[in-house]
């Protein structure tokens, strides 16, 4: 779940860039978006794996 670290650092970078009026707000925003998408993909894979294991083991006990 390294995407969570990316989300936190991107939020901190965005707020710091906004306070100091420096350049790089686009890079921080794109890092935030990519991190959020990465977290959602990881969660989706975990959920699908759990559902797959549950359906596999519940199907083999029939009969």
N, C-alpha and C. Protein backbone atom coordinates (compact mmCIF):
# COMPACT_ATOMS: atom_id res chain seq x y z
N UNK A 1 0.83 -1.19 0.00
CA UNK A 1 0.00 0.00 0.00
C UNK A 1 0.88 1.25 0.00
N UNK A 2 1.83 1.29 -0.89
CA UNK A 2 2.70 2.46 -0.97
C UNK A 2 1.99 3.67 -1.57
N UNK A 3 0.85 3.45 -2.17
CA UNK A 3 0.08 4.56 -2.72
C UNK A 3 -0.38 5.54 -1.66
N UNK A 4 -0.60 5.03 -0.44
CA UNK A 4 -1.02 5.89 0.67
C UNK A 4 0.08 6.89 0.99
N UNK A 5 1.33 6.44 0.95
CA UNK A 5 2.46 7.35 1.18
C UNK A 5 2.50 8.41 0.09
N UNK A 6 2.23 8.02 -1.14
CA UNK A 6 2.20 8.97 -2.24
C UNK A 6 1.09 10.00 -2.08
N UNK A 7 -0.07 9.57 -1.59
CA UNK A 7 -1.17 10.50 -1.36
C UNK A 7 -0.79 11.52 -0.30
N UNK A 8 -0.21 11.05 0.79
CA UNK A 8 0.16 11.95 1.89
C UNK A 8 1.21 12.95 1.45
N UNK A 9 2.25 12.48 0.77
CA UNK A 9 3.30 13.40 0.35
C UNK A 9 2.82 14.36 -0.73
N UNK A 10 1.93 13.92 -1.59
CA UNK A 10 1.39 14.81 -2.62
C UNK A 10 0.52 15.90 -2.01
N UNK A 11 -0.26 15.55 -1.00
CA UNK A 11 -1.08 16.56 -0.33
C UNK A 11 -0.19 17.57 0.38
N UNK A 12 0.85 17.07 1.07
CA UNK A 12 1.76 17.99 1.75
C UNK A 12 2.48 18.90 0.75
N UNK A 13 2.90 18.33 -0.39
CA UNK A 13 3.58 19.12 -1.40
C UNK A 13 2.65 20.17 -2.01
N UNK A 14 1.41 19.79 -2.25
CA UNK A 14 0.45 20.74 -2.83
C UNK A 14 0.20 21.92 -1.89
N UNK A 15 0.04 21.64 -0.61
CA UNK A 15 -0.21 22.74 0.34
C UNK A 15 1.03 23.61 0.49
N UNK A 16 2.20 23.01 0.50
CA UNK A 16 3.43 23.81 0.63
C UNK A 16 3.67 24.67 -0.61
N UNK A 17 3.41 24.12 -1.78
CA UNK A 17 3.58 24.88 -3.01
C UNK A 17 2.58 26.04 -3.06
N UNK A 18 1.37 25.80 -2.60
CA UNK A 18 0.36 26.86 -2.58
C UNK A 18 0.75 27.99 -1.63
N UNK A 19 1.33 27.65 -0.47
CA UNK A 19 1.72 28.67 0.50
C UNK A 19 2.91 29.50 0.03
N UNK A 20 3.87 28.87 -0.64
CA UNK A 20 5.10 29.56 -1.02
C UNK A 20 5.07 30.11 -2.44
N UNK A 21 4.00 29.87 -3.17
CA UNK A 21 3.84 30.34 -4.56
C UNK A 21 4.98 29.87 -5.46
N UNK A 22 5.40 28.65 -5.29
CA UNK A 22 6.44 28.08 -6.14
C UNK A 22 5.80 27.35 -7.32
N UNK A 23 6.64 26.94 -8.25
CA UNK A 23 6.15 26.17 -9.39
C UNK A 23 6.12 24.69 -9.02
N UNK A 24 5.41 23.90 -9.77
CA UNK A 24 5.35 22.47 -9.55
C UNK A 24 4.01 21.98 -9.04
N UNK A 25 3.01 22.84 -9.05
CA UNK A 25 1.69 22.43 -8.56
C UNK A 25 1.09 21.34 -9.46
N UNK A 26 1.39 21.41 -10.75
CA UNK A 26 0.87 20.40 -11.67
C UNK A 26 1.48 19.04 -11.41
N UNK A 27 2.77 19.01 -11.10
CA UNK A 27 3.44 17.75 -10.81
C UNK A 27 2.91 17.14 -9.51
N UNK A 28 2.69 17.98 -8.51
CA UNK A 28 2.15 17.48 -7.25
C UNK A 28 0.71 16.98 -7.43
N UNK A 29 -0.06 17.66 -8.24
CA UNK A 29 -1.44 17.24 -8.49
C UNK A 29 -1.48 15.93 -9.27
N UNK A 30 -0.61 15.81 -10.27
CA UNK A 30 -0.59 14.56 -11.02
C UNK A 30 -0.10 13.40 -10.16
N UNK A 31 0.83 13.66 -9.25
CA UNK A 31 1.26 12.62 -8.31
C UNK A 31 0.13 12.20 -7.40
N UNK A 32 -0.68 13.16 -6.98
CA UNK A 32 -1.82 12.85 -6.13
C UNK A 32 -2.84 11.99 -6.88
N UNK A 33 -3.12 12.35 -8.11
CA UNK A 33 -4.09 11.60 -8.90
C UNK A 33 -3.60 10.17 -9.16
N UNK A 34 -2.33 10.04 -9.53
CA UNK A 34 -1.78 8.70 -9.80
C UNK A 34 -1.76 7.85 -8.54
N UNK A 35 -1.47 8.46 -7.40
CA UNK A 35 -1.46 7.71 -6.15
C UNK A 35 -2.86 7.24 -5.77
N UNK A 36 -3.84 8.09 -5.95
CA UNK A 36 -5.22 7.71 -5.65
C UNK A 36 -5.69 6.58 -6.56
N UNK A 37 -5.37 6.68 -7.84
CA UNK A 37 -5.74 5.62 -8.78
C UNK A 37 -5.04 4.31 -8.40
N UNK A 38 -3.77 4.40 -8.00
CA UNK A 38 -3.04 3.21 -7.58
C UNK A 38 -3.65 2.55 -6.36
N UNK A 39 -4.08 3.35 -5.40
CA UNK A 39 -4.72 2.81 -4.20
C UNK A 39 -6.02 2.11 -4.57
N UNK A 40 -6.82 2.72 -5.43
CA UNK A 40 -8.08 2.10 -5.83
C UNK A 40 -7.84 0.79 -6.59
N UNK A 41 -6.83 0.74 -7.44
CA UNK A 41 -6.54 -0.49 -8.16
C UNK A 41 -6.09 -1.58 -7.20
N UNK A 42 -5.26 -1.23 -6.22
CA UNK A 42 -4.82 -2.21 -5.23
C UNK A 42 -6.00 -2.73 -4.42
N UNK A 43 -6.90 -1.85 -4.02
CA UNK A 43 -8.08 -2.28 -3.26
C UNK A 43 -8.97 -3.17 -4.11
N UNK A 44 -9.12 -2.85 -5.38
CA UNK A 44 -9.94 -3.67 -6.27
C UNK A 44 -9.35 -5.06 -6.43
N UNK A 45 -8.03 -5.15 -6.57
CA UNK A 45 -7.38 -6.46 -6.69
C UNK A 45 -7.56 -7.28 -5.42
N UNK A 46 -7.42 -6.63 -4.26
CA UNK A 46 -7.59 -7.35 -2.99
C UNK A 46 -9.03 -7.85 -2.85
N UNK A 47 -10.00 -7.00 -3.18
CA UNK A 47 -11.40 -7.40 -3.08
C UNK A 47 -11.71 -8.55 -4.03
N UNK A 48 -11.21 -8.46 -5.25
CA UNK A 48 -11.46 -9.54 -6.21
C UNK A 48 -10.78 -10.84 -5.78
N UNK A 49 -9.60 -10.74 -5.18
CA UNK A 49 -8.92 -11.96 -4.70
C UNK A 49 -9.70 -12.61 -3.57
N UNK A 50 -10.21 -11.80 -2.65
CA UNK A 50 -10.99 -12.34 -1.54
C UNK A 50 -12.28 -12.98 -2.05
N UNK A 51 -12.95 -12.32 -2.95
CA UNK A 51 -14.18 -12.88 -3.52
C UNK A 51 -13.87 -14.16 -4.30
N UNK A 52 -12.76 -14.18 -5.00
CA UNK A 52 -12.37 -15.38 -5.74
C UNK A 52 -12.08 -16.55 -4.82
N UNK A 53 -11.36 -16.29 -3.74
CA UNK A 53 -11.08 -17.37 -2.78
C UNK A 53 -12.35 -17.87 -2.13
N UNK A 54 -13.23 -16.96 -1.77
CA UNK A 54 -14.49 -17.37 -1.13
C UNK A 54 -15.33 -18.21 -2.08
N UNK A 55 -15.44 -17.76 -3.32
CA UNK A 55 -16.26 -18.51 -4.27
C UNK A 55 -15.62 -19.85 -4.63
N UNK A 56 -14.30 -19.91 -4.68
CA UNK A 56 -13.64 -21.17 -4.99
C UNK A 56 -13.84 -22.19 -3.87
N UNK A 57 -13.61 -21.78 -2.64
CA UNK A 57 -13.72 -22.72 -1.55
C UNK A 57 -15.17 -23.06 -1.20
N UNK A 58 -16.09 -22.16 -1.46
CA UNK A 58 -17.48 -22.52 -1.21
C UNK A 58 -18.02 -23.44 -2.29
N UNK A 59 -17.48 -23.37 -3.49
CA UNK A 59 -17.91 -24.24 -4.57
C UNK A 59 -17.36 -25.65 -4.45
N UNK A 60 -16.22 -25.84 -3.80
CA UNK A 60 -15.63 -27.17 -3.70
C UNK A 60 -16.23 -28.00 -2.57
N UNK A 61 -16.96 -27.39 -1.67
CA UNK A 61 -17.55 -28.11 -0.55
C UNK A 61 -18.93 -28.68 -0.86
N UNK A 62 -19.44 -28.42 -2.03
CA UNK A 62 -20.77 -28.90 -2.40
C UNK A 62 -20.66 -30.37 -2.81
N UNK A 63 -21.56 -31.19 -2.29
CA UNK A 63 -21.64 -32.57 -2.73
C UNK A 63 -21.04 -33.49 -1.79
